[in-house]
Amino acid sequence: MSDGENTKLDLIEHFERYLGEIHKVYSGEQPDGHIGYDLVEYHVPEPGVTWVATNGLRFQPITTMVAQELVCGLWDQQGHVAHHLVVSMASLVLKNAQGFEYDRLFANDVPIVEGTSIEGVLACPNPVYGQDFDLVHDASGKLRIQVITLVPITRAEIGFVEKEGAEMLWEVFRLNRTNILDVTRRSAV
């Protein structure tokens, strides 16, 4: 088994450990070729969270310090939004041939989720599972994959990050007990 195949198996096992059972796989195969990754939907029944992750982005010719995959988690009824955000951000990675760094901010001029105040995405360490989830090592302990979590944020939160930094936004989220798994939430700032 090649190192890439071994890493693939380790990643699926890693994601299932944290994100729950695989609920559905969306093939990246398109009529005009493969888009470069598949999407895998995971489900955590309690409290009812859908996680959507790329699988295969790490094999694409993109510039990163460590191979990357993207993930976004939202309440089950908003799983389609997580799907949309992961596809949008993965497309951006492939278009620019450049991976993301933590605390990278993506802002839009209008809501990216209709009927909400969500106008951007913050690429960050996973706020639910932490570093053990974010960094995937192989059996020898070598770091193989960095998982970038995508968190939808509001216009006011975008401005706050631009002014104060992402770390301060996490502090505001913590103090306000902000439910970042809900795109219909009010702004934390």
C-alpha atoms as a PDB file:
ATOM      1  CA  MET A   1       0.000   0.000   0.000  1.00  0.00           C
ATOM      2  CA  SER A   2       1.405   3.392  -0.953  1.00  0.00           C
ATOM      3  CA  ASP A   3       1.921   6.110   1.634  1.00  0.00           C
ATOM      4  CA  GLY A   4      -0.954   8.107   0.102  1.00  0.00           C
ATOM      5  CA  GLU A   5      -3.339   5.175   0.454  1.00  0.00           C
ATOM      6  CA  ASN A   6      -2.224   4.609   4.040  1.00  0.00           C
ATOM      7  CA  THR A   7      -2.838   8.296   4.805  1.00  0.00           C
ATOM      8  CA  LYS A   8      -6.265   8.088   3.148  1.00  0.00           C
ATOM      9  CA  LEU A   9      -7.304   5.204   5.379  1.00  0.00           C
ATOM     10  CA  ASP A  10      -5.956   6.965   8.457  1.00  0.00           C
ATOM     11  CA  LEU A  11      -7.881  10.143   7.613  1.00  0.00           C
ATOM     12  CA  ILE A  12     -11.219   8.373   7.201  1.00  0.00           C
ATOM     13  CA  GLU A  13     -10.724   6.603  10.521  1.00  0.00           C
ATOM     14  CA  HIS A  14      -9.629   9.897  12.098  1.00  0.00           C
ATOM     15  CA  PHE A  15     -12.704  11.761  10.823  1.00  0.00           C
ATOM     16  CA  GLU A  16     -15.075   9.011  11.952  1.00  0.00           C
ATOM     17  CA  ARG A  17     -13.565   9.097  15.446  1.00  0.00           C
ATOM     18  CA  TYR A  18     -14.464  12.770  15.800  1.00  0.00           C
ATOM     19  CA  LEU A  19     -17.223  13.532  13.289  1.00  0.00           C
ATOM     20  CA  GLY A  20     -19.360  10.413  13.603  1.00  0.00           C
ATOM     21  CA  GLU A  21     -20.447   7.874  11.046  1.00  0.00           C
ATOM     22  CA  ILE A  22     -20.208   8.497   7.338  1.00  0.00           C
ATOM     23  CA  HIS A  23     -23.691   9.515   6.272  1.00  0.00           C
ATOM     24  CA  LYS A  24     -23.097  10.099   2.556  1.00  0.00           C
ATOM     25  CA  VAL A  25     -20.258  10.375   0.043  1.00  0.00           C
ATOM     26  CA  TYR A  26     -20.469  12.795  -2.871  1.00  0.00           C
ATOM     27  CA  SER A  27     -18.122  11.735  -5.646  1.00  0.00           C
ATOM     28  CA  GLY A  28     -15.986  14.391  -7.247  1.00  0.00           C
ATOM     29  CA  GLU A  29     -16.374  12.627 -10.562  1.00  0.00           C
ATOM     30  CA  GLN A  30     -17.993  14.973 -13.092  1.00  0.00           C
ATOM     31  CA  PRO A  31     -18.821  14.475 -16.783  1.00  0.00           C
ATOM     32  CA  ASP A  32     -15.708  16.469 -17.739  1.00  0.00           C
ATOM     33  CA  GLY A  33     -13.381  14.818 -15.178  1.00  0.00           C
ATOM     34  CA  HIS A  34     -12.766  14.687 -11.455  1.00  0.00           C
ATOM     35  CA  ILE A  35     -12.884  17.965  -9.486  1.00  0.00           C
ATOM     36  CA  GLY A  36      -9.955  16.873  -7.313  1.00  0.00           C
ATOM     37  CA  TYR A  37     -11.711  15.712  -4.164  1.00  0.00           C
ATOM     38  CA  ASP A  38     -14.799  13.925  -2.910  1.00  0.00           C
ATOM     39  CA  LEU A  39     -17.083  15.290  -0.201  1.00  0.00           C
ATOM     40  CA  VAL A  40     -17.909  13.138   2.776  1.00  0.00           C
ATOM     41  CA  GLU A  41     -20.827  13.928   5.063  1.00  0.00           C
ATOM     42  CA  TYR A  42     -20.577  12.756   8.664  1.00  0.00           C
ATOM     43  CA  HIS A  43     -23.296  12.779  11.260  1.00  0.00           C
ATOM     44  CA  VAL A  44     -23.167  13.144  15.046  1.00  0.00           C
ATOM     45  CA  PRO A  45     -26.680  12.172  16.248  1.00  0.00           C
ATOM     46  CA  GLU A  46     -26.358  13.910  19.605  1.00  0.00           C
ATOM     47  CA  PRO A  47     -26.588  16.901  19.452  1.00  0.00           C
ATOM     48  CA  GLY A  48     -27.539  16.548  15.751  1.00  0.00           C
ATOM     49  CA  VAL A  49     -24.588  17.954  13.799  1.00  0.00           C
ATOM     50  CA  THR A  50     -23.677  17.392  10.161  1.00  0.00           C
ATOM     51  CA  TRP A  51     -20.008  17.702   9.263  1.00  0.00           C
ATOM     52  CA  VAL A  52     -18.909  17.966   5.626  1.00  0.00           C
ATOM     53  CA  ALA A  53     -15.267  17.285   4.761  1.00  0.00           C
ATOM     54  CA  THR A  54     -13.148  17.142   1.653  1.00  0.00           C
ATOM     55  CA  ASN A  55     -11.322  13.919   0.917  1.00  0.00           C
ATOM     56  CA  GLY A  56      -8.593  14.192  -1.683  1.00  0.00           C
ATOM     57  CA  LEU A  57      -7.748  17.887  -1.572  1.00  0.00           C
ATOM     58  CA  ARG A  58      -4.446  16.878   0.028  1.00  0.00           C
ATOM     59  CA  PHE A  59      -3.387  15.138  -3.193  1.00  0.00           C
ATOM     60  CA  GLN A  60      -3.851  18.230  -5.380  1.00  0.00           C
ATOM     61  CA  PRO A  61      -0.987  20.458  -6.557  1.00  0.00           C
ATOM     62  CA  ILE A  62      -1.501  23.284  -4.079  1.00  0.00           C
ATOM     63  CA  THR A  63       1.033  25.234  -2.056  1.00  0.00           C
ATOM     64  CA  THR A  64       0.829  24.457   1.665  1.00  0.00           C
ATOM     65  CA  MET A  65       3.233  23.678   4.480  1.00  0.00           C
ATOM     66  CA  VAL A  66       1.304  20.452   5.174  1.00  0.00           C
ATOM     67  CA  ALA A  67      -1.296  18.710   3.002  1.00  0.00           C
ATOM     68  CA  GLN A  68      -4.778  19.994   3.850  1.00  0.00           C
ATOM     69  CA  GLU A  69      -8.419  18.978   3.959  1.00  0.00           C
ATOM     70  CA  LEU A  70     -11.372  21.256   4.768  1.00  0.00           C
ATOM     71  CA  VAL A  71     -14.304  20.638   7.107  1.00  0.00           C
ATOM     72  CA  CYS A  72     -17.407  22.541   8.218  1.00  0.00           C
ATOM     73  CA  GLY A  73     -19.988  21.502  10.805  1.00  0.00           C
ATOM     74  CA  LEU A  74     -23.493  22.885  11.335  1.00  0.00           C
ATOM     75  CA  TRP A  75     -26.786  21.723  12.807  1.00  0.00           C
ATOM     76  CA  ASP A  76     -28.324  18.882  10.801  1.00  0.00           C
ATOM     77  CA  GLN A  77     -30.993  21.059   9.178  1.00  0.00           C
ATOM     78  CA  GLN A  78     -28.192  23.347   7.921  1.00  0.00           C
ATOM     79  CA  GLY A  79     -25.984  20.583   6.520  1.00  0.00           C
ATOM     80  CA  HIS A  80     -26.611  21.836   2.986  1.00  0.00           C
ATOM     81  CA  VAL A  81     -24.995  25.140   3.988  1.00  0.00           C
ATOM     82  CA  ALA A  82     -21.901  23.320   5.304  1.00  0.00           C
ATOM     83  CA  HIS A  83     -21.777  21.445   1.994  1.00  0.00           C
ATOM     84  CA  HIS A  84     -21.964  24.733   0.044  1.00  0.00           C
ATOM     85  CA  LEU A  85     -19.261  26.419   2.143  1.00  0.00           C
ATOM     86  CA  VAL A  86     -16.837  23.497   1.828  1.00  0.00           C
ATOM     87  CA  VAL A  87     -17.347  23.276  -1.947  1.00  0.00           C
ATOM     88  CA  SER A  88     -16.897  27.054  -2.326  1.00  0.00           C
ATOM     89  CA  MET A  89     -13.717  27.154  -0.258  1.00  0.00           C
ATOM     90  CA  ALA A  90     -12.247  24.001  -1.852  1.00  0.00           C
ATOM     91  CA  SER A  91     -12.887  25.537  -5.278  1.00  0.00           C
ATOM     92  CA  LEU A  92     -11.011  28.646  -4.151  1.00  0.00           C
ATOM     93  CA  VAL A  93      -8.079  26.531  -2.949  1.00  0.00           C
ATOM     94  CA  LEU A  94      -7.881  24.720  -6.293  1.00  0.00           C
ATOM     95  CA  LYS A  95      -8.354  27.899  -8.351  1.00  0.00           C
ATOM     96  CA  ASN A  96      -5.525  29.681  -6.523  1.00  0.00           C
ATOM     97  CA  ALA A  97      -3.414  26.510  -6.055  1.00  0.00           C
ATOM     98  CA  GLN A  98      -2.904  27.767  -2.502  1.00  0.00           C
ATOM     99  CA  GLY A  99      -3.953  26.230   0.805  1.00  0.00           C
ATOM    100  CA  PHE A 100      -5.326  28.173   3.756  1.00  0.00           C
ATOM    101  CA  GLU A 101      -3.636  29.322   6.916  1.00  0.00           C
ATOM    102  CA  TYR A 102      -5.442  29.441  10.227  1.00  0.00           C
ATOM    103  CA  ASP A 103      -7.246  32.733  10.868  1.00  0.00           C
ATOM    104  CA  ARG A 104      -7.643  33.427   7.149  1.00  0.00           C
ATOM    105  CA  LEU A 105     -10.769  35.473   6.595  1.00  0.00           C
ATOM    106  CA  PHE A 106     -13.036  35.360   3.551  1.00  0.00           C
ATOM    107  CA  ALA A 107     -15.529  38.190   3.344  1.00  0.00           C
ATOM    108  CA  ASN A 108     -18.421  38.803   0.996  1.00  0.00           C
ATOM    109  CA  ASP A 109     -20.395  41.993   0.349  1.00  0.00           C
ATOM    110  CA  VAL A 110     -23.756  40.297   0.847  1.00  0.00           C
ATOM    111  CA  PRO A 111     -24.963  37.378   2.938  1.00  0.00           C
ATOM    112  CA  ILE A 112     -23.555  34.094   1.653  1.00  0.00           C
ATOM    113  CA  VAL A 113     -26.416  32.297   3.345  1.00  0.00           C
ATOM    114  CA  GLU A 114     -29.764  33.724   2.250  1.00  0.00           C
ATOM    115  CA  GLY A 115     -31.937  34.972   5.094  1.00  0.00           C
ATOM    116  CA  THR A 116     -29.023  35.260   7.541  1.00  0.00           C
ATOM    117  CA  SER A 117     -26.378  37.798   8.477  1.00  0.00           C
ATOM    118  CA  ILE A 118     -23.547  35.374   7.595  1.00  0.00           C
ATOM    119  CA  GLU A 119     -21.258  37.212   5.167  1.00  0.00           C
ATOM    120  CA  GLY A 120     -17.972  35.416   5.585  1.00  0.00           C
ATOM    121  CA  VAL A 121     -15.976  32.379   6.554  1.00  0.00           C
ATOM    122  CA  LEU A 122     -13.094  32.066   8.978  1.00  0.00           C
ATOM    123  CA  ALA A 123     -10.554  29.295   8.333  1.00  0.00           C
ATOM    124  CA  CYS A 124      -9.397  28.116  11.738  1.00  0.00           C
ATOM    125  CA  PRO A 125      -8.450  25.293  14.071  1.00  0.00           C
ATOM    126  CA  ASN A 126     -11.470  23.224  15.025  1.00  0.00           C
ATOM    127  CA  PRO A 127     -13.272  24.975  17.903  1.00  0.00           C
ATOM    128  CA  VAL A 128     -15.042  21.783  18.974  1.00  0.00           C
ATOM    129  CA  TYR A 129     -12.320  19.105  18.834  1.00  0.00           C
ATOM    130  CA  GLY A 130      -9.060  21.069  18.953  1.00  0.00           C
ATOM    131  CA  GLN A 131      -5.524  20.218  17.943  1.00  0.00           C
ATOM    132  CA  ASP A 132      -5.907  16.447  18.205  1.00  0.00           C
ATOM    133  CA  PHE A 133      -8.441  16.740  15.396  1.00  0.00           C
ATOM    134  CA  ASP A 134      -6.595  19.420  13.414  1.00  0.00           C
ATOM    135  CA  LEU A 135      -3.309  17.580  12.955  1.00  0.00           C
ATOM    136  CA  VAL A 136      -3.302  14.075  11.487  1.00  0.00           C
ATOM    137  CA  HIS A 137      -0.148  12.034  12.006  1.00  0.00           C
ATOM    138  CA  ASP A 138       0.792   8.747  10.405  1.00  0.00           C
ATOM    139  CA  ALA A 139       1.657   5.608  12.383  1.00  0.00           C
ATOM    140  CA  SER A 140       5.271   6.776  12.769  1.00  0.00           C
ATOM    141  CA  GLY A 141       4.128  10.085  14.282  1.00  0.00           C
ATOM    142  CA  LYS A 142       4.938  12.221  11.228  1.00  0.00           C
ATOM    143  CA  LEU A 143       2.490  15.074  10.580  1.00  0.00           C
ATOM    144  CA  ARG A 144       0.709  14.292   7.315  1.00  0.00           C
ATOM    145  CA  ILE A 145      -2.469  16.389   7.127  1.00  0.00           C
ATOM    146  CA  GLN A 146      -3.727  19.638   8.577  1.00  0.00           C
ATOM    147  CA  VAL A 147      -7.498  19.942   8.839  1.00  0.00           C
ATOM    148  CA  ILE A 148      -8.827  23.460   8.336  1.00  0.00           C
ATOM    149  CA  THR A 149     -12.260  24.131   9.842  1.00  0.00           C
ATOM    150  CA  LEU A 150     -14.524  26.668   8.156  1.00  0.00           C
ATOM    151  CA  VAL A 151     -16.685  28.730  10.510  1.00  0.00           C
ATOM    152  CA  PRO A 152     -19.393  31.014   9.054  1.00  0.00           C
ATOM    153  CA  ILE A 153     -19.304  34.530  10.535  1.00  0.00           C
ATOM    154  CA  THR A 154     -21.315  37.755  10.324  1.00  0.00           C
ATOM    155  CA  ARG A 155     -20.323  41.146   8.859  1.00  0.00           C
ATOM    156  CA  ALA A 156     -19.780  42.579  12.363  1.00  0.00           C
ATOM    157  CA  GLU A 157     -17.601  39.585  13.276  1.00  0.00           C
ATOM    158  CA  ILE A 158     -15.581  40.068  10.071  1.00  0.00           C
ATOM    159  CA  GLY A 159     -14.912  43.675  11.073  1.00  0.00           C
ATOM    160  CA  PHE A 160     -14.001  42.561  14.580  1.00  0.00           C
ATOM    161  CA  VAL A 161     -11.473  40.015  13.256  1.00  0.00           C
ATOM    162  CA  GLU A 162      -9.953  42.627  10.942  1.00  0.00           C
ATOM    163  CA  LYS A 163      -9.529  45.003  13.884  1.00  0.00           C
ATOM    164  CA  GLU A 164      -8.855  42.732  16.876  1.00  0.00           C
ATOM    165  CA  GLY A 165      -7.815  39.382  15.380  1.00  0.00           C
ATOM    166  CA  ALA A 166      -9.386  35.934  15.269  1.00  0.00           C
ATOM    167  CA  GLU A 167      -8.204  34.970  18.746  1.00  0.00           C
ATOM    168  CA  MET A 168     -10.215  37.811  20.276  1.00  0.00           C
ATOM    169  CA  LEU A 169     -13.307  36.720  18.326  1.00  0.00           C
ATOM    170  CA  TRP A 170     -12.984  33.254  19.870  1.00  0.00           C
ATOM    171  CA  GLU A 171     -12.900  34.905  23.282  1.00  0.00           C
ATOM    172  CA  VAL A 172     -16.099  36.825  22.445  1.00  0.00           C
ATOM    173  CA  PHE A 173     -17.718  33.591  21.222  1.00  0.00           C
ATOM    174  CA  ARG A 174     -16.748  31.901  24.488  1.00  0.00           C
ATOM    175  CA  LEU A 175     -17.964  34.740  26.703  1.00  0.00           C
ATOM    176  CA  ASN A 176     -21.276  35.025  24.819  1.00  0.00           C
ATOM    177  CA  ARG A 177     -21.696  31.246  24.504  1.00  0.00           C
ATOM    178  CA  THR A 178     -22.177  31.746  20.783  1.00  0.00           C
ATOM    179  CA  ASN A 179     -23.550  28.743  18.939  1.00  0.00           C
ATOM    180  CA  ILE A 180     -21.226  28.663  15.924  1.00  0.00           C
ATOM    181  CA  LEU A 181     -23.044  25.580  14.591  1.00  0.00           C
ATOM    182  CA  ASP A 182     -26.058  27.754  13.717  1.00  0.00           C
ATOM    183  CA  VAL A 183     -25.960  30.051  10.678  1.00  0.00           C
ATOM    184  CA  THR A 184     -29.201  31.731  11.789  1.00  0.00           C
ATOM    185  CA  ARG A 185     -27.550  33.016  14.979  1.00  0.00           C
ATOM    186  CA  ARG A 186     -27.210  36.672  15.847  1.00  0.00           C
ATOM    187  CA  SER A 187     -23.830  38.303  15.627  1.00  0.00           C
ATOM    188  CA  ALA A 188     -21.651  37.872  18.719  1.00  0.00           C
ATOM    189  CA  VAL A 189     -20.337  41.455  18.425  1.00  0.00           C
END
